[in-house]
């Protein structure tokens, strides 16, 4: 896991992970896992030894970074900074119109 200064904002931390670990650019699950591992260590726990109940308590109390915050920041950074995009970014966005149409989000003129 990457060593990250945990006093930085979520945005700064996501950017560091995406820069140092390109494999995290296309995998929110792995990105979130890296965040949580750092959060757990910051709180003084050994990530290899923490119980699932303790983890759930930390999550419920807001002591670890909310996964949706991480995901939204990652999406925003990749939208605005091409060098942080993964290999799947183009594929996902090339289907945007098709999916929007299928979901009924596009208006017919």
N, C-alpha and C. Protein backbone atom coordinates (compact mmCIF):
# COMPACT_ATOMS: atom_id res chain seq x y z
N UNK A 1 0.83 -1.17 0.00
CA UNK A 1 0.00 0.00 0.00
C UNK A 1 0.89 1.25 0.00
N UNK A 2 0.39 2.28 -0.61
CA UNK A 2 1.15 3.52 -0.73
C UNK A 2 1.17 4.26 0.59
N UNK A 3 2.27 4.92 0.87
CA UNK A 3 2.35 5.80 2.02
C UNK A 3 1.84 7.16 1.59
N UNK A 4 0.81 7.64 2.27
CA UNK A 4 0.17 8.90 1.90
C UNK A 4 0.04 9.74 3.15
N UNK A 5 0.29 11.05 3.03
CA UNK A 5 0.10 11.97 4.13
C UNK A 5 -1.39 12.11 4.37
N UNK A 6 -1.89 11.61 5.50
CA UNK A 6 -3.32 11.56 5.77
C UNK A 6 -3.89 12.90 6.21
N UNK A 7 -3.06 13.92 6.37
CA UNK A 7 -3.59 15.24 6.68
C UNK A 7 -4.02 15.95 5.41
N UNK A 8 -3.71 15.37 4.26
CA UNK A 8 -4.12 15.95 2.99
C UNK A 8 -5.61 15.70 2.77
N UNK A 9 -6.19 16.49 1.89
CA UNK A 9 -7.60 16.32 1.55
C UNK A 9 -7.81 15.02 0.78
N UNK A 10 -9.06 14.60 0.69
CA UNK A 10 -9.39 13.40 -0.09
C UNK A 10 -8.93 13.60 -1.52
N UNK A 11 -9.14 14.78 -2.06
CA UNK A 11 -8.73 15.06 -3.44
C UNK A 11 -7.22 14.88 -3.61
N UNK A 12 -6.45 15.44 -2.70
CA UNK A 12 -4.99 15.31 -2.78
C UNK A 12 -4.57 13.84 -2.67
N UNK A 13 -5.22 13.11 -1.78
CA UNK A 13 -4.86 11.71 -1.59
C UNK A 13 -5.21 10.88 -2.82
N UNK A 14 -6.40 11.11 -3.40
CA UNK A 14 -6.78 10.37 -4.61
C UNK A 14 -5.78 10.66 -5.72
N UNK A 15 -5.41 11.91 -5.88
CA UNK A 15 -4.46 12.27 -6.94
C UNK A 15 -3.13 11.54 -6.75
N UNK A 16 -2.64 11.47 -5.52
CA UNK A 16 -1.39 10.76 -5.25
C UNK A 16 -1.51 9.29 -5.64
N UNK A 17 -2.60 8.65 -5.22
CA UNK A 17 -2.79 7.24 -5.57
C UNK A 17 -2.85 7.03 -7.08
N UNK A 18 -3.59 7.89 -7.78
CA UNK A 18 -3.73 7.72 -9.23
C UNK A 18 -2.41 7.96 -9.95
N UNK A 19 -1.61 8.88 -9.45
CA UNK A 19 -0.30 9.15 -10.06
C UNK A 19 0.67 8.00 -9.81
N UNK A 20 0.74 7.53 -8.58
CA UNK A 20 1.73 6.52 -8.20
C UNK A 20 1.32 5.10 -8.57
N UNK A 21 0.01 4.86 -8.71
CA UNK A 21 -0.48 3.50 -8.92
C UNK A 21 -1.50 3.47 -10.05
N UNK A 22 -1.05 3.48 -11.29
CA UNK A 22 -1.97 3.52 -12.44
C UNK A 22 -3.02 2.42 -12.45
N UNK A 23 -2.75 1.27 -11.84
CA UNK A 23 -3.74 0.18 -11.83
C UNK A 23 -4.98 0.55 -11.01
N UNK A 24 -4.90 1.58 -10.17
CA UNK A 24 -6.06 2.01 -9.38
C UNK A 24 -6.98 2.93 -10.17
N UNK A 25 -6.55 3.40 -11.33
CA UNK A 25 -7.33 4.36 -12.11
C UNK A 25 -8.63 3.76 -12.64
N UNK A 26 -8.68 2.48 -12.84
CA UNK A 26 -9.86 1.81 -13.39
C UNK A 26 -10.56 0.91 -12.37
N UNK A 27 -10.19 0.99 -11.12
CA UNK A 27 -10.75 0.06 -10.14
C UNK A 27 -11.04 0.77 -8.82
N UNK A 28 -12.28 1.25 -8.69
CA UNK A 28 -12.66 1.96 -7.47
C UNK A 28 -12.53 1.09 -6.23
N UNK A 29 -12.81 -0.19 -6.37
CA UNK A 29 -12.70 -1.09 -5.23
C UNK A 29 -11.29 -1.12 -4.66
N UNK A 30 -10.31 -1.23 -5.54
CA UNK A 30 -8.92 -1.24 -5.09
C UNK A 30 -8.49 0.12 -4.56
N UNK A 31 -8.96 1.19 -5.20
CA UNK A 31 -8.64 2.54 -4.73
C UNK A 31 -9.20 2.75 -3.32
N UNK A 32 -10.45 2.37 -3.11
CA UNK A 32 -11.09 2.52 -1.80
C UNK A 32 -10.38 1.66 -0.77
N UNK A 33 -10.00 0.44 -1.13
CA UNK A 33 -9.28 -0.44 -0.20
C UNK A 33 -7.97 0.19 0.24
N UNK A 34 -7.25 0.83 -0.69
CA UNK A 34 -6.01 1.51 -0.33
C UNK A 34 -6.27 2.66 0.64
N UNK A 35 -7.32 3.43 0.39
CA UNK A 35 -7.70 4.52 1.29
C UNK A 35 -7.98 3.99 2.68
N UNK A 36 -8.83 2.97 2.74
CA UNK A 36 -9.24 2.45 4.04
C UNK A 36 -8.07 1.85 4.80
N UNK A 37 -7.16 1.20 4.10
CA UNK A 37 -5.98 0.65 4.77
C UNK A 37 -5.17 1.77 5.41
N UNK A 38 -5.01 2.88 4.69
CA UNK A 38 -4.29 4.04 5.23
C UNK A 38 -5.04 4.65 6.41
N UNK A 39 -6.36 4.77 6.27
CA UNK A 39 -7.17 5.33 7.35
C UNK A 39 -7.05 4.48 8.62
N UNK A 40 -7.13 3.18 8.45
CA UNK A 40 -7.05 2.27 9.59
C UNK A 40 -5.71 2.40 10.30
N UNK A 41 -4.63 2.47 9.52
CA UNK A 41 -3.30 2.64 10.12
C UNK A 41 -3.18 3.99 10.83
N UNK A 42 -3.76 5.03 10.22
CA UNK A 42 -3.72 6.37 10.82
C UNK A 42 -4.40 6.36 12.19
N UNK A 43 -5.42 5.54 12.33
CA UNK A 43 -6.15 5.44 13.59
C UNK A 43 -5.45 4.56 14.62
N UNK A 44 -4.32 4.00 14.22
CA UNK A 44 -3.51 3.23 15.16
C UNK A 44 -3.77 1.73 15.17
N UNK A 45 -4.49 1.25 14.20
CA UNK A 45 -4.78 -0.18 14.11
C UNK A 45 -3.86 -0.84 13.09
N UNK A 46 -3.62 -2.12 13.28
CA UNK A 46 -2.90 -2.89 12.28
C UNK A 46 -3.96 -3.44 11.33
N UNK A 47 -3.88 -3.06 10.06
CA UNK A 47 -4.93 -3.43 9.11
C UNK A 47 -5.07 -4.95 8.97
N UNK A 48 -3.99 -5.68 9.20
CA UNK A 48 -4.04 -7.13 9.08
C UNK A 48 -4.75 -7.78 10.26
N UNK A 49 -4.92 -7.03 11.36
CA UNK A 49 -5.47 -7.62 12.58
C UNK A 49 -6.82 -7.04 12.99
N UNK A 50 -7.33 -6.05 12.29
CA UNK A 50 -8.58 -5.42 12.69
C UNK A 50 -9.76 -6.37 12.42
N UNK A 51 -10.68 -6.44 13.35
CA UNK A 51 -11.85 -7.31 13.16
C UNK A 51 -12.86 -6.63 12.24
N UNK A 52 -13.71 -7.43 11.66
CA UNK A 52 -14.75 -6.88 10.79
C UNK A 52 -15.69 -5.99 11.59
N UNK A 53 -15.99 -6.35 12.83
CA UNK A 53 -16.87 -5.53 13.68
C UNK A 53 -16.24 -4.18 13.97
N UNK A 54 -14.95 -4.16 14.24
CA UNK A 54 -14.26 -2.89 14.50
C UNK A 54 -14.26 -2.04 13.23
N UNK A 55 -14.01 -2.68 12.09
CA UNK A 55 -14.05 -1.94 10.82
C UNK A 55 -15.43 -1.33 10.60
N UNK A 56 -16.48 -2.10 10.83
CA UNK A 56 -17.85 -1.60 10.65
C UNK A 56 -18.14 -0.45 11.60
N UNK A 57 -17.62 -0.54 12.81
CA UNK A 57 -17.79 0.56 13.77
C UNK A 57 -17.09 1.82 13.27
N UNK A 58 -15.88 1.68 12.77
CA UNK A 58 -15.14 2.83 12.24
C UNK A 58 -15.89 3.44 11.05
N UNK A 59 -16.41 2.60 10.19
CA UNK A 59 -17.15 3.07 9.03
C UNK A 59 -18.42 3.80 9.47
N UNK A 60 -19.18 3.19 10.36
CA UNK A 60 -20.43 3.77 10.83
C UNK A 60 -20.22 5.11 11.54
N UNK A 61 -19.10 5.24 12.22
CA UNK A 61 -18.79 6.48 12.95
C UNK A 61 -18.15 7.55 12.07
N UNK A 62 -17.90 7.22 10.81
CA UNK A 62 -17.28 8.20 9.90
C UNK A 62 -15.79 8.38 10.14
N UNK A 63 -15.16 7.40 10.77
CA UNK A 63 -13.73 7.50 11.05
C UNK A 63 -12.87 7.15 9.84
N UNK A 64 -13.46 6.47 8.87
CA UNK A 64 -12.73 6.18 7.63
C UNK A 64 -13.44 6.91 6.49
N UNK A 65 -12.70 7.18 5.45
CA UNK A 65 -13.21 7.97 4.33
C UNK A 65 -14.38 7.26 3.66
N UNK A 66 -15.44 8.01 3.42
CA UNK A 66 -16.63 7.44 2.79
C UNK A 66 -16.30 7.04 1.35
N UNK A 67 -16.70 5.85 0.93
CA UNK A 67 -16.35 5.38 -0.41
C UNK A 67 -16.90 6.26 -1.53
N UNK A 68 -18.06 6.85 -1.33
CA UNK A 68 -18.64 7.70 -2.37
C UNK A 68 -17.82 8.97 -2.54
N UNK A 69 -17.24 9.47 -1.48
CA UNK A 69 -16.35 10.64 -1.58
C UNK A 69 -15.14 10.31 -2.44
N UNK A 70 -14.57 9.15 -2.19
CA UNK A 70 -13.40 8.71 -2.95
C UNK A 70 -13.77 8.56 -4.43
N UNK A 71 -14.89 7.89 -4.70
CA UNK A 71 -15.32 7.66 -6.07
C UNK A 71 -15.61 8.96 -6.82
N UNK A 72 -16.30 9.88 -6.17
CA UNK A 72 -16.64 11.16 -6.81
C UNK A 72 -15.40 11.99 -7.11
N UNK A 73 -14.48 12.02 -6.16
CA UNK A 73 -13.24 12.77 -6.38
C UNK A 73 -12.44 12.15 -7.52
N UNK A 74 -12.37 10.81 -7.56
CA UNK A 74 -11.65 10.14 -8.64
C UNK A 74 -12.27 10.49 -9.99
N UNK A 75 -13.59 10.45 -10.08
CA UNK A 75 -14.28 10.77 -11.34
C UNK A 75 -14.01 12.21 -11.76
N UNK A 76 -14.07 13.13 -10.81
CA UNK A 76 -13.83 14.54 -11.12
C UNK A 76 -12.39 14.77 -11.58
N UNK A 77 -11.44 14.17 -10.89
CA UNK A 77 -10.04 14.31 -11.29
C UNK A 77 -9.81 13.75 -12.69
N UNK A 78 -10.39 12.60 -12.99
CA UNK A 78 -10.19 12.00 -14.30
C UNK A 78 -10.89 12.78 -15.39
N UNK A 79 -12.00 13.41 -15.07
CA UNK A 79 -12.71 14.23 -16.05
C UNK A 79 -11.85 15.44 -16.45
N UNK A 80 -11.18 16.02 -15.47
CA UNK A 80 -10.43 17.26 -15.70
C UNK A 80 -8.94 17.08 -15.95
N UNK A 81 -8.41 15.91 -15.70
CA UNK A 81 -6.96 15.68 -15.85
C UNK A 81 -6.73 14.38 -16.62
N UNK A 82 -6.48 14.52 -17.91
CA UNK A 82 -6.33 13.37 -18.82
C UNK A 82 -5.26 12.39 -18.35
N UNK A 83 -4.19 12.90 -17.75
CA UNK A 83 -3.08 12.02 -17.35
C UNK A 83 -3.45 11.10 -16.19
N UNK A 84 -4.59 11.33 -15.54
CA UNK A 84 -5.02 10.48 -14.43
C UNK A 84 -6.05 9.43 -14.85
N UNK A 85 -6.40 9.42 -16.12
CA UNK A 85 -7.39 8.48 -16.62
C UNK A 85 -6.79 7.10 -16.82
N UNK A 86 -7.63 6.10 -16.59
CA UNK A 86 -7.22 4.72 -16.82
C UNK A 86 -7.52 4.30 -18.24
N UNK A 87 -7.28 3.04 -18.51
CA UNK A 87 -7.51 2.50 -19.85
C UNK A 87 -8.99 2.38 -20.18
N UNK A 88 -9.84 2.24 -19.19
CA UNK A 88 -11.27 2.04 -19.41
C UNK A 88 -12.05 3.35 -19.53
N UNK A 89 -11.42 4.48 -19.24
CA UNK A 89 -12.13 5.77 -19.26
C UNK A 89 -12.79 6.03 -20.61
N UNK A 90 -12.03 5.88 -21.67
CA UNK A 90 -12.55 6.14 -23.01
C UNK A 90 -13.69 5.20 -23.38
N UNK A 91 -13.56 3.94 -23.00
CA UNK A 91 -14.60 2.95 -23.31
C UNK A 91 -15.89 3.32 -22.59
N UNK A 92 -15.79 3.66 -21.31
CA UNK A 92 -16.99 4.01 -20.54
C UNK A 92 -17.67 5.24 -21.13
N UNK A 93 -16.90 6.25 -21.49
CA UNK A 93 -17.48 7.50 -21.96
C UNK A 93 -17.92 7.45 -23.42
N UNK A 94 -17.41 6.51 -24.18
CA UNK A 94 -17.85 6.38 -25.57
C UNK A 94 -19.28 5.83 -25.63
N UNK A 95 -19.72 5.17 -24.58
CA UNK A 95 -21.06 4.59 -24.53
C UNK A 95 -22.06 5.49 -23.79
N UNK A 96 -21.63 6.69 -23.41
CA UNK A 96 -22.46 7.58 -22.61
C UNK A 96 -23.80 7.89 -23.28
N UNK A 97 -23.79 8.27 -24.54
CA UNK A 97 -25.02 8.63 -25.24
C UNK A 97 -25.95 7.42 -25.36
N UNK A 98 -25.37 6.26 -25.69
CA UNK A 98 -26.15 5.04 -25.85
C UNK A 98 -26.86 4.67 -24.53
N UNK A 99 -26.13 4.71 -23.44
CA UNK A 99 -26.70 4.34 -22.14
C UNK A 99 -27.73 5.37 -21.71
N UNK A 100 -27.45 6.65 -21.91
CA UNK A 100 -28.41 7.70 -21.56
C UNK A 100 -29.71 7.53 -22.32
N UNK A 101 -29.59 7.18 -23.59
CA UNK A 101 -30.77 6.95 -24.41
C UNK A 101 -31.57 5.75 -23.90
N UNK A 102 -30.87 4.67 -23.58
CA UNK A 102 -31.54 3.47 -23.08
C UNK A 102 -32.25 3.73 -21.74
N UNK A 103 -31.69 4.62 -20.95
CA UNK A 103 -32.30 4.93 -19.67
C UNK A 103 -33.38 6.00 -19.78
N UNK A 104 -33.55 6.55 -20.98
CA UNK A 104 -34.58 7.55 -21.20
C UNK A 104 -34.19 8.95 -20.78
N UNK A 105 -32.88 9.22 -20.68
CA UNK A 105 -32.41 10.53 -20.24
C UNK A 105 -32.31 11.54 -21.38
N UNK A 106 -32.26 11.06 -22.62
CA UNK A 106 -32.13 11.99 -23.74
C UNK A 106 -33.53 12.33 -24.26
N UNK A 107 -33.67 13.56 -24.65
CA UNK A 107 -34.97 14.02 -25.15
C UNK A 107 -34.96 13.94 -26.68
N UNK A 108 -36.06 13.55 -27.23
CA UNK A 108 -36.17 13.57 -28.68
C UNK A 108 -36.69 14.94 -29.09
N UNK A 109 -36.13 15.47 -30.19
CA UNK A 109 -36.48 16.82 -30.63
C UNK A 109 -37.50 16.79 -31.72
